Amino acid sequence: MDRFDRYWIGILIGLLIPALFGLTYIEVMNLWYPLQTFQFQAGGVLSKLLLVCVFPDLALLFVFYTTDTWRLAKGVLAGAMPYVLAALIVSM
């Protein structure tokens, strides 16, 4: 596992996993219509969706910390930060 313990791999995983999880969540919950009619921002649904997308990163962060792949875990955490910041900005 040492050869995968790279910071940039963690950032790439941290950016891609929430996006894929968010698209899957939108597809499963059938949220395309509210997204197209801009009803997503009413009630803070968009910020909540962005925070839900970060959950897979948190699970990966736990797995990487328990396997002592510290650089990979730090990269995943850095990759999750844009989603958390976007959720904070949208909620204001």
Protein backbone atom coordinates (compact mmCIF):
# COMPACT_ATOMS: atom_id res chain seq x y z
CA MET A 1 0.00 0.00 0.00
CA ASP A 2 3.05 2.24 0.27
CA ARG A 3 3.24 2.90 -3.45
CA PHE A 4 -0.28 4.42 -3.37
CA ASP A 5 0.45 6.60 -0.36
CA ARG A 6 0.76 9.82 -2.39
CA TYR A 7 -0.76 13.19 -1.60
CA TRP A 8 -1.93 13.89 -5.18
CA ILE A 9 -3.72 10.53 -5.40
CA GLY A 10 -5.62 11.44 -2.23
CA ILE A 11 -6.59 14.83 -3.66
CA LEU A 12 -7.82 13.19 -6.85
CA ILE A 13 -9.85 10.64 -4.89
CA GLY A 14 -11.15 13.37 -2.58
CA LEU A 15 -12.41 15.41 -5.53
CA LEU A 16 -13.87 12.60 -7.65
CA ILE A 17 -15.65 10.40 -5.09
CA PRO A 18 -18.02 13.14 -3.79
CA ALA A 19 -18.89 14.22 -7.33
CA LEU A 20 -19.73 10.67 -8.36
CA PHE A 21 -21.64 10.07 -5.13
CA GLY A 22 -23.59 13.31 -5.62
CA LEU A 23 -24.56 12.44 -9.19
CA THR A 24 -25.62 8.97 -8.09
CA TYR A 25 -27.64 10.42 -5.21
CA ILE A 26 -29.38 12.90 -7.53
CA GLU A 27 -30.20 10.11 -9.98
CA VAL A 28 -31.51 7.70 -7.33
CA MET A 29 -33.56 10.32 -5.48
CA ASN A 30 -34.84 11.75 -8.79
CA LEU A 31 -33.77 15.31 -8.03
CA TRP A 32 -33.09 16.42 -11.61
CA TYR A 33 -36.34 18.39 -11.92
CA PRO A 34 -35.81 20.55 -8.81
CA LEU A 35 -32.23 21.10 -9.95
CA GLN A 36 -33.39 22.35 -13.35
CA THR A 37 -36.07 24.65 -11.93
CA PHE A 38 -33.72 26.27 -9.37
CA GLN A 39 -35.81 25.00 -6.47
CA PHE A 40 -32.66 23.45 -5.06
CA GLN A 41 -31.50 26.64 -3.40
CA ALA A 42 -34.77 27.22 -1.57
CA GLY A 43 -34.49 25.85 1.93
CA GLY A 44 -30.78 25.15 1.69
CA VAL A 45 -31.16 21.84 -0.12
CA LEU A 46 -28.07 22.46 -2.24
CA SER A 47 -25.84 23.01 0.79
CA LYS A 48 -27.19 19.85 2.41
CA LEU A 49 -26.57 17.90 -0.78
CA LEU A 50 -22.97 19.13 -0.88
CA LEU A 51 -22.44 18.03 2.71
CA VAL A 52 -23.97 14.60 2.01
CA CYS A 53 -21.51 14.20 -0.86
CA VAL A 54 -18.60 14.48 1.58
CA PHE A 55 -19.64 11.40 3.61
CA PRO A 56 -17.79 8.89 1.37
CA ASP A 57 -14.63 10.96 1.82
CA LEU A 58 -15.00 10.76 5.58
CA ALA A 59 -15.33 6.98 5.37
CA LEU A 60 -12.22 6.79 3.20
CA LEU A 61 -10.40 9.09 5.59
CA PHE A 62 -11.13 6.66 8.43
CA VAL A 63 -9.94 3.69 6.38
CA PHE A 64 -6.73 5.45 5.34
CA TYR A 65 -5.96 6.55 8.89
CA THR A 66 -6.42 3.04 10.24
CA THR A 67 -4.11 1.62 7.55
CA ASP A 68 -1.45 4.28 8.31
CA THR A 69 -1.44 5.81 4.84
CA TRP A 70 -1.09 9.35 6.15
CA ARG A 71 -0.31 11.21 2.92
CA LEU A 72 -3.26 9.61 1.17
CA ALA A 73 -5.54 10.53 4.08
CA LYS A 74 -4.33 14.14 4.07
CA GLY A 75 -4.96 14.31 0.32
CA VAL A 76 -8.51 13.02 0.72
CA LEU A 77 -9.12 15.60 3.43
CA ALA A 78 -7.74 18.37 1.20
CA GLY A 79 -9.89 17.13 -1.70
CA ALA A 80 -13.02 17.27 0.48
CA MET A 81 -12.44 20.87 1.54
CA PRO A 82 -13.81 22.49 -1.67
CA TYR A 83 -17.12 20.71 -1.13
CA VAL A 84 -17.33 21.80 2.50
CA LEU A 85 -16.43 25.40 1.61
CA ALA A 86 -18.98 25.42 -1.22
CA ALA A 87 -21.66 24.19 1.17
CA LEU A 88 -20.77 26.95 3.65
CA ILE A 89 -20.83 29.62 0.95
CA VAL A 90 -24.16 28.43 -0.48
CA SER A 91 -25.77 28.30 2.95
CA MET A 92 -24.98 31.96 3.68
